[in-house]
Amino acid sequence: MTNYTNVLLDELKTQLELTSDYQLAKFLNVGASRISNYRNGRSVLDWEMAFKIADLLKLDDQDVVYGLLEDKYKNPRLVNALQAGAPA
């Protein structure tokens, strides 16, 4: 399953030179099943974890928020409204 969550997890694994999701889970201090659930879409990154990964990868917070919108929210109308930005 290719989604923004998996992109983030894969980038972090590469940056840290980890060879398994188990090692990634240990690094992030979560259970291996949580990484599996993220990867398979059974759960989504909470914002705290997303921003932790963003900090480690030196990513812009706004890019991460918009990247995760489609992973976190399945309603296309909501996603479109959020991506359009806040009213002035």
C-alpha atoms as a PDB file:
ATOM      1  CA  MET A   1       0.000   0.000   0.000  1.00  0.00           C
ATOM      2  CA  THR A   2       1.558   3.261  -1.125  1.00  0.00           C
ATOM      3  CA  ASN A   3       0.473   6.294   0.835  1.00  0.00           C
ATOM      4  CA  TYR A   4       2.154   9.265   2.472  1.00  0.00           C
ATOM      5  CA  THR A   5       2.498   7.398   5.763  1.00  0.00           C
ATOM      6  CA  ASN A   6       4.558   4.679   4.075  1.00  0.00           C
ATOM      7  CA  VAL A   7       6.645   7.315   2.294  1.00  0.00           C
ATOM      8  CA  LEU A   8       7.489   8.903   5.661  1.00  0.00           C
ATOM      9  CA  LEU A   9       8.274   5.552   7.287  1.00  0.00           C
ATOM     10  CA  ASP A  10      10.457   4.479   4.355  1.00  0.00           C
ATOM     11  CA  GLU A  11      12.338   7.792   4.287  1.00  0.00           C
ATOM     12  CA  LEU A  12      13.024   7.554   8.020  1.00  0.00           C
ATOM     13  CA  LYS A  13      14.188   3.949   7.701  1.00  0.00           C
ATOM     14  CA  THR A  14      16.566   4.959   4.915  1.00  0.00           C
ATOM     15  CA  GLN A  15      17.899   7.980   6.792  1.00  0.00           C
ATOM     16  CA  LEU A  16      18.553   5.905   9.908  1.00  0.00           C
ATOM     17  CA  GLU A  17      19.966   3.021   7.833  1.00  0.00           C
ATOM     18  CA  LEU A  18      17.531   0.563   9.390  1.00  0.00           C
ATOM     19  CA  THR A  19      16.856  -2.722   7.653  1.00  0.00           C
ATOM     20  CA  SER A  20      13.501  -3.683   9.150  1.00  0.00           C
ATOM     21  CA  ASP A  21      10.248  -2.267  10.414  1.00  0.00           C
ATOM     22  CA  TYR A  22      11.037  -3.945  13.728  1.00  0.00           C
ATOM     23  CA  GLN A  23      14.131  -1.736  14.066  1.00  0.00           C
ATOM     24  CA  LEU A  24      12.051   1.290  13.095  1.00  0.00           C
ATOM     25  CA  ALA A  25       9.455   0.430  15.738  1.00  0.00           C
ATOM     26  CA  LYS A  26      12.182   0.144  18.382  1.00  0.00           C
ATOM     27  CA  PHE A  27      13.623   3.506  17.340  1.00  0.00           C
ATOM     28  CA  LEU A  28      10.197   5.175  17.514  1.00  0.00           C
ATOM     29  CA  ASN A  29       9.462   3.405  20.806  1.00  0.00           C
ATOM     30  CA  VAL A  30       6.304   1.696  19.540  1.00  0.00           C
ATOM     31  CA  GLY A  31       5.352  -1.917  19.013  1.00  0.00           C
ATOM     32  CA  ALA A  32       6.115  -3.573  15.693  1.00  0.00           C
ATOM     33  CA  SER A  33       2.385  -4.186  15.241  1.00  0.00           C
ATOM     34  CA  ARG A  34       1.786  -0.428  15.226  1.00  0.00           C
ATOM     35  CA  ILE A  35       4.179   0.007  12.290  1.00  0.00           C
ATOM     36  CA  SER A  36       2.431  -2.875  10.524  1.00  0.00           C
ATOM     37  CA  ASN A  37      -0.952  -1.243  11.165  1.00  0.00           C
ATOM     38  CA  TYR A  38       0.325   2.079   9.780  1.00  0.00           C
ATOM     39  CA  ARG A  39       1.702   0.357   6.695  1.00  0.00           C
ATOM     40  CA  ASN A  40      -1.482  -1.598   5.999  1.00  0.00           C
ATOM     41  CA  GLY A  41      -3.853   1.307   6.627  1.00  0.00           C
ATOM     42  CA  ARG A  42      -5.444  -0.277   9.698  1.00  0.00           C
ATOM     43  CA  SER A  43      -4.450   2.816  11.677  1.00  0.00           C
ATOM     44  CA  VAL A  44      -3.031   6.215  10.831  1.00  0.00           C
ATOM     45  CA  LEU A  45      -0.187   8.224  12.277  1.00  0.00           C
ATOM     46  CA  ASP A  46      -1.346  10.420  15.121  1.00  0.00           C
ATOM     47  CA  TRP A  47      -0.171  14.015  14.806  1.00  0.00           C
ATOM     48  CA  GLU A  48       2.416  13.664  17.586  1.00  0.00           C
ATOM     49  CA  MET A  49       4.110  10.761  15.785  1.00  0.00           C
ATOM     50  CA  ALA A  50       3.809  12.496  12.410  1.00  0.00           C
ATOM     51  CA  PHE A  51       5.557  15.611  13.730  1.00  0.00           C
ATOM     52  CA  LYS A  52       8.214  13.527  15.481  1.00  0.00           C
ATOM     53  CA  ILE A  53       9.025  11.903  12.135  1.00  0.00           C
ATOM     54  CA  ALA A  54       8.839  15.304  10.399  1.00  0.00           C
ATOM     55  CA  ASP A  55      11.408  16.701  12.854  1.00  0.00           C
ATOM     56  CA  LEU A  56      13.723  13.743  12.311  1.00  0.00           C
ATOM     57  CA  LEU A  57      13.451  14.160   8.532  1.00  0.00           C
ATOM     58  CA  LYS A  58      13.609  17.974   8.771  1.00  0.00           C
ATOM     59  CA  LEU A  59      10.322  18.326   6.896  1.00  0.00           C
ATOM     60  CA  ASP A  60       8.032  21.330   6.937  1.00  0.00           C
ATOM     61  CA  ASP A  61       5.054  20.816   9.266  1.00  0.00           C
ATOM     62  CA  GLN A  62       2.564  22.106   6.707  1.00  0.00           C
ATOM     63  CA  ASP A  63       3.856  19.704   4.044  1.00  0.00           C
ATOM     64  CA  VAL A  64       3.389  16.803   6.464  1.00  0.00           C
ATOM     65  CA  VAL A  65      -0.132  17.906   7.395  1.00  0.00           C
ATOM     66  CA  TYR A  66      -1.209  18.167   3.771  1.00  0.00           C
ATOM     67  CA  GLY A  67       0.591  14.940   2.888  1.00  0.00           C
ATOM     68  CA  LEU A  68      -1.276  13.031   5.582  1.00  0.00           C
ATOM     69  CA  LEU A  69      -4.731  14.462   4.864  1.00  0.00           C
ATOM     70  CA  GLU A  70      -5.695  11.723   2.436  1.00  0.00           C
ATOM     71  CA  ASP A  71      -4.293   9.023   4.739  1.00  0.00           C
ATOM     72  CA  LYS A  72      -6.240  10.298   7.738  1.00  0.00           C
ATOM     73  CA  TYR A  73      -9.499  11.431   6.159  1.00  0.00           C
ATOM     74  CA  LYS A  74     -11.451   9.449   3.580  1.00  0.00           C
ATOM     75  CA  ASN A  75     -14.063  12.108   2.823  1.00  0.00           C
ATOM     76  CA  PRO A  76     -12.910  13.787  -0.425  1.00  0.00           C
ATOM     77  CA  ARG A  77     -14.972  16.903   0.259  1.00  0.00           C
ATOM     78  CA  LEU A  78     -13.216  17.395   3.603  1.00  0.00           C
ATOM     79  CA  VAL A  79      -9.788  16.777   2.066  1.00  0.00           C
ATOM     80  CA  ASN A  80     -10.484  19.282  -0.734  1.00  0.00           C
ATOM     81  CA  ALA A  81     -11.698  21.902   1.732  1.00  0.00           C
ATOM     82  CA  LEU A  82      -8.646  21.460   3.948  1.00  0.00           C
ATOM     83  CA  GLN A  83      -6.260  21.553   0.992  1.00  0.00           C
ATOM     84  CA  ALA A  84      -7.863  24.767  -0.251  1.00  0.00           C
ATOM     85  CA  GLY A  85      -6.570  26.469   2.880  1.00  0.00           C
ATOM     86  CA  ALA A  86      -8.116  28.590   5.569  1.00  0.00           C
ATOM     87  CA  PRO A  87     -10.281  31.520   4.566  1.00  0.00           C
ATOM     88  CA  ALA A  88      -8.584  34.931   4.651  1.00  0.00           C
END
